[in-house]
Amino acid sequence: MTTADMKARLALMTGESDDEVLSAYLTIAGDRIIERVYPFNHGEYLDVPAKYLSTQLEVAAYLLNKRGAEGETAHNENGINRSYESASVPASMLKHVVPYCQPF
């Protein structure tokens, strides 16, 4: 999937149209996945493995949708209750991302 495809899908998922904002959130989401896949040498890897591109979209959409309430742990107003699992990406969104192991 190309970067343009990823941005187009993220725009559909979130309603965001600013290309730079979409790129920024896709980069942040990609960084979180790369840190999880390559926990000990993520600086060597720049691309998200293809099997995690949908996860990258989900994480980017999650981060975009909670923009403005990043650290919120609880919010109650007129019967609406909000709380967030984490100030960053919830562990539950990355639980299926498997760290890469390389034999010595």
C-alpha atoms as a PDB file:
ATOM      1  CA  MET A   1       0.000   0.000   0.000  1.00  0.00           C
ATOM      2  CA  THR A   2       1.448   3.366  -0.972  1.00  0.00           C
ATOM      3  CA  THR A   3       1.730   6.375   1.300  1.00  0.00           C
ATOM      4  CA  ALA A   4      -0.950   8.129  -0.748  1.00  0.00           C
ATOM      5  CA  ASP A   5      -3.286   5.143  -0.212  1.00  0.00           C
ATOM      6  CA  MET A   6      -2.604   5.221   3.512  1.00  0.00           C
ATOM      7  CA  LYS A   7      -3.345   8.952   3.700  1.00  0.00           C
ATOM      8  CA  ALA A   8      -6.540   8.550   1.678  1.00  0.00           C
ATOM      9  CA  ARG A   9      -7.786   5.762   3.953  1.00  0.00           C
ATOM     10  CA  LEU A  10      -6.889   7.694   7.090  1.00  0.00           C
ATOM     11  CA  ALA A  11      -8.713  10.748   5.725  1.00  0.00           C
ATOM     12  CA  LEU A  12     -11.824   8.614   5.169  1.00  0.00           C
ATOM     13  CA  MET A  13     -11.573   7.132   8.652  1.00  0.00           C
ATOM     14  CA  THR A  14     -11.135  10.445  10.466  1.00  0.00           C
ATOM     15  CA  GLY A  15     -12.444  13.241   8.260  1.00  0.00           C
ATOM     16  CA  GLU A  16      -9.059  14.990   8.439  1.00  0.00           C
ATOM     17  CA  SER A  17      -8.012  16.522   5.120  1.00  0.00           C
ATOM     18  CA  ASP A  18      -4.687  18.215   5.894  1.00  0.00           C
ATOM     19  CA  ASP A  19      -1.981  16.181   4.156  1.00  0.00           C
ATOM     20  CA  GLU A  20       0.728  17.196   6.633  1.00  0.00           C
ATOM     21  CA  VAL A  21      -1.400  16.192   9.629  1.00  0.00           C
ATOM     22  CA  LEU A  22      -2.184  12.818   8.052  1.00  0.00           C
ATOM     23  CA  SER A  23       1.520  12.251   7.340  1.00  0.00           C
ATOM     24  CA  ALA A  24       2.505  13.213  10.869  1.00  0.00           C
ATOM     25  CA  TYR A  25       0.067  10.806  12.506  1.00  0.00           C
ATOM     26  CA  LEU A  26       0.962   7.965  10.144  1.00  0.00           C
ATOM     27  CA  THR A  27       4.622   8.546  11.032  1.00  0.00           C
ATOM     28  CA  ILE A  28       3.902   8.517  14.767  1.00  0.00           C
ATOM     29  CA  ALA A  29       1.842   5.333  14.434  1.00  0.00           C
ATOM     30  CA  GLY A  30       4.563   3.730  12.319  1.00  0.00           C
ATOM     31  CA  ASP A  31       7.200   4.627  14.889  1.00  0.00           C
ATOM     32  CA  ARG A  32       5.188   2.934  17.663  1.00  0.00           C
ATOM     33  CA  ILE A  33       4.868  -0.252  15.609  1.00  0.00           C
ATOM     34  CA  ILE A  34       8.539  -0.283  14.642  1.00  0.00           C
ATOM     35  CA  GLU A  35       9.505   0.185  18.308  1.00  0.00           C
ATOM     36  CA  ARG A  36       7.361  -2.841  19.157  1.00  0.00           C
ATOM     37  CA  VAL A  37       8.551  -5.062  16.289  1.00  0.00           C
ATOM     38  CA  TYR A  38      12.234  -4.190  16.727  1.00  0.00           C
ATOM     39  CA  PRO A  39      12.542  -3.401  20.454  1.00  0.00           C
ATOM     40  CA  PHE A  40      16.331  -3.508  20.602  1.00  0.00           C
ATOM     41  CA  ASN A  41      17.390  -1.996  17.277  1.00  0.00           C
ATOM     42  CA  HIS A  42      14.441  -0.060  15.885  1.00  0.00           C
ATOM     43  CA  GLY A  43      16.745   2.720  14.677  1.00  0.00           C
ATOM     44  CA  GLU A  44      17.935   0.444  11.865  1.00  0.00           C
ATOM     45  CA  TYR A  45      14.434  -0.124  10.489  1.00  0.00           C
ATOM     46  CA  LEU A  46      12.383   2.635   8.897  1.00  0.00           C
ATOM     47  CA  ASP A  47       9.473   0.824   7.268  1.00  0.00           C
ATOM     48  CA  VAL A  48       6.492  -0.753   8.962  1.00  0.00           C
ATOM     49  CA  PRO A  49       6.204  -4.420   7.941  1.00  0.00           C
ATOM     50  CA  ALA A  50       3.394  -4.859   5.385  1.00  0.00           C
ATOM     51  CA  LYS A  51       1.329  -7.083   7.666  1.00  0.00           C
ATOM     52  CA  TYR A  52       1.017  -4.207  10.182  1.00  0.00           C
ATOM     53  CA  LEU A  53      -0.115  -1.457   7.793  1.00  0.00           C
ATOM     54  CA  SER A  54      -3.747  -1.810   8.869  1.00  0.00           C
ATOM     55  CA  THR A  55      -2.600  -1.539  12.479  1.00  0.00           C
ATOM     56  CA  GLN A  56      -0.709   1.624  11.535  1.00  0.00           C
ATOM     57  CA  LEU A  57      -3.951   3.075  10.155  1.00  0.00           C
ATOM     58  CA  GLU A  58      -5.895   2.102  13.277  1.00  0.00           C
ATOM     59  CA  VAL A  59      -3.301   3.623  15.602  1.00  0.00           C
ATOM     60  CA  ALA A  60      -3.089   6.823  13.532  1.00  0.00           C
ATOM     61  CA  ALA A  61      -6.898   7.137  13.552  1.00  0.00           C
ATOM     62  CA  TYR A  62      -6.975   6.533  17.309  1.00  0.00           C
ATOM     63  CA  LEU A  63      -4.388   9.256  17.921  1.00  0.00           C
ATOM     64  CA  LEU A  64      -6.107  11.694  15.558  1.00  0.00           C
ATOM     65  CA  ASN A  65      -9.515  11.117  17.122  1.00  0.00           C
ATOM     66  CA  LYS A  66      -8.305  11.814  20.638  1.00  0.00           C
ATOM     67  CA  ARG A  67      -6.395  14.930  19.612  1.00  0.00           C
ATOM     68  CA  GLY A  68      -6.959  17.669  22.165  1.00  0.00           C
ATOM     69  CA  ALA A  69      -7.585  15.213  24.992  1.00  0.00           C
ATOM     70  CA  GLU A  70      -4.289  13.321  24.885  1.00  0.00           C
ATOM     71  CA  GLY A  71      -3.803  12.743  28.604  1.00  0.00           C
ATOM     72  CA  GLU A  72      -7.451  12.406  29.576  1.00  0.00           C
ATOM     73  CA  THR A  73      -8.077   9.645  32.098  1.00  0.00           C
ATOM     74  CA  ALA A  74     -11.747  10.408  32.795  1.00  0.00           C
ATOM     75  CA  HIS A  75     -14.404  12.782  31.527  1.00  0.00           C
ATOM     76  CA  ASN A  76     -18.088  12.860  32.442  1.00  0.00           C
ATOM     77  CA  GLU A  77     -20.513  15.280  30.845  1.00  0.00           C
ATOM     78  CA  ASN A  78     -24.246  14.925  30.164  1.00  0.00           C
ATOM     79  CA  GLY A  79     -24.139  11.146  30.349  1.00  0.00           C
ATOM     80  CA  ILE A  80     -21.015  10.831  28.209  1.00  0.00           C
ATOM     81  CA  ASN A  81     -18.102   9.099  29.908  1.00  0.00           C
ATOM     82  CA  ARG A  82     -14.589   9.088  28.456  1.00  0.00           C
ATOM     83  CA  SER A  83     -11.376   7.615  29.728  1.00  0.00           C
ATOM     84  CA  TYR A  84      -8.235   6.464  28.000  1.00  0.00           C
ATOM     85  CA  GLU A  85      -6.203   3.345  28.587  1.00  0.00           C
ATOM     86  CA  SER A  86      -2.946   5.180  27.981  1.00  0.00           C
ATOM     87  CA  ALA A  87      -1.683   8.675  27.258  1.00  0.00           C
ATOM     88  CA  SER A  88      -0.107   7.275  24.107  1.00  0.00           C
ATOM     89  CA  VAL A  89      -1.052   4.164  22.145  1.00  0.00           C
ATOM     90  CA  PRO A  90      -2.919   1.615  24.268  1.00  0.00           C
ATOM     91  CA  ALA A  91      -1.153  -1.698  24.704  1.00  0.00           C
ATOM     92  CA  SER A  92      -4.292  -3.471  23.498  1.00  0.00           C
ATOM     93  CA  MET A  93      -3.857  -1.938  20.026  1.00  0.00           C
ATOM     94  CA  LEU A  94      -0.354  -3.376  19.732  1.00  0.00           C
ATOM     95  CA  LYS A  95      -0.884  -6.732  21.442  1.00  0.00           C
ATOM     96  CA  HIS A  96      -0.799  -8.677  18.157  1.00  0.00           C
ATOM     97  CA  VAL A  97       2.421  -6.988  16.992  1.00  0.00           C
ATOM     98  CA  VAL A  98       5.102  -9.624  17.425  1.00  0.00           C
ATOM     99  CA  PRO A  99       8.691  -8.593  18.202  1.00  0.00           C
ATOM    100  CA  TYR A 100      11.234  -9.741  15.641  1.00  0.00           C
ATOM    101  CA  CYS A 101      13.954 -12.063  16.910  1.00  0.00           C
ATOM    102  CA  GLN A 102      17.201 -12.654  15.133  1.00  0.00           C
ATOM    103  CA  PRO A 103      19.515 -15.555  16.038  1.00  0.00           C
ATOM    104  CA  PHE A 104      23.052 -14.697  17.075  1.00  0.00           C
END
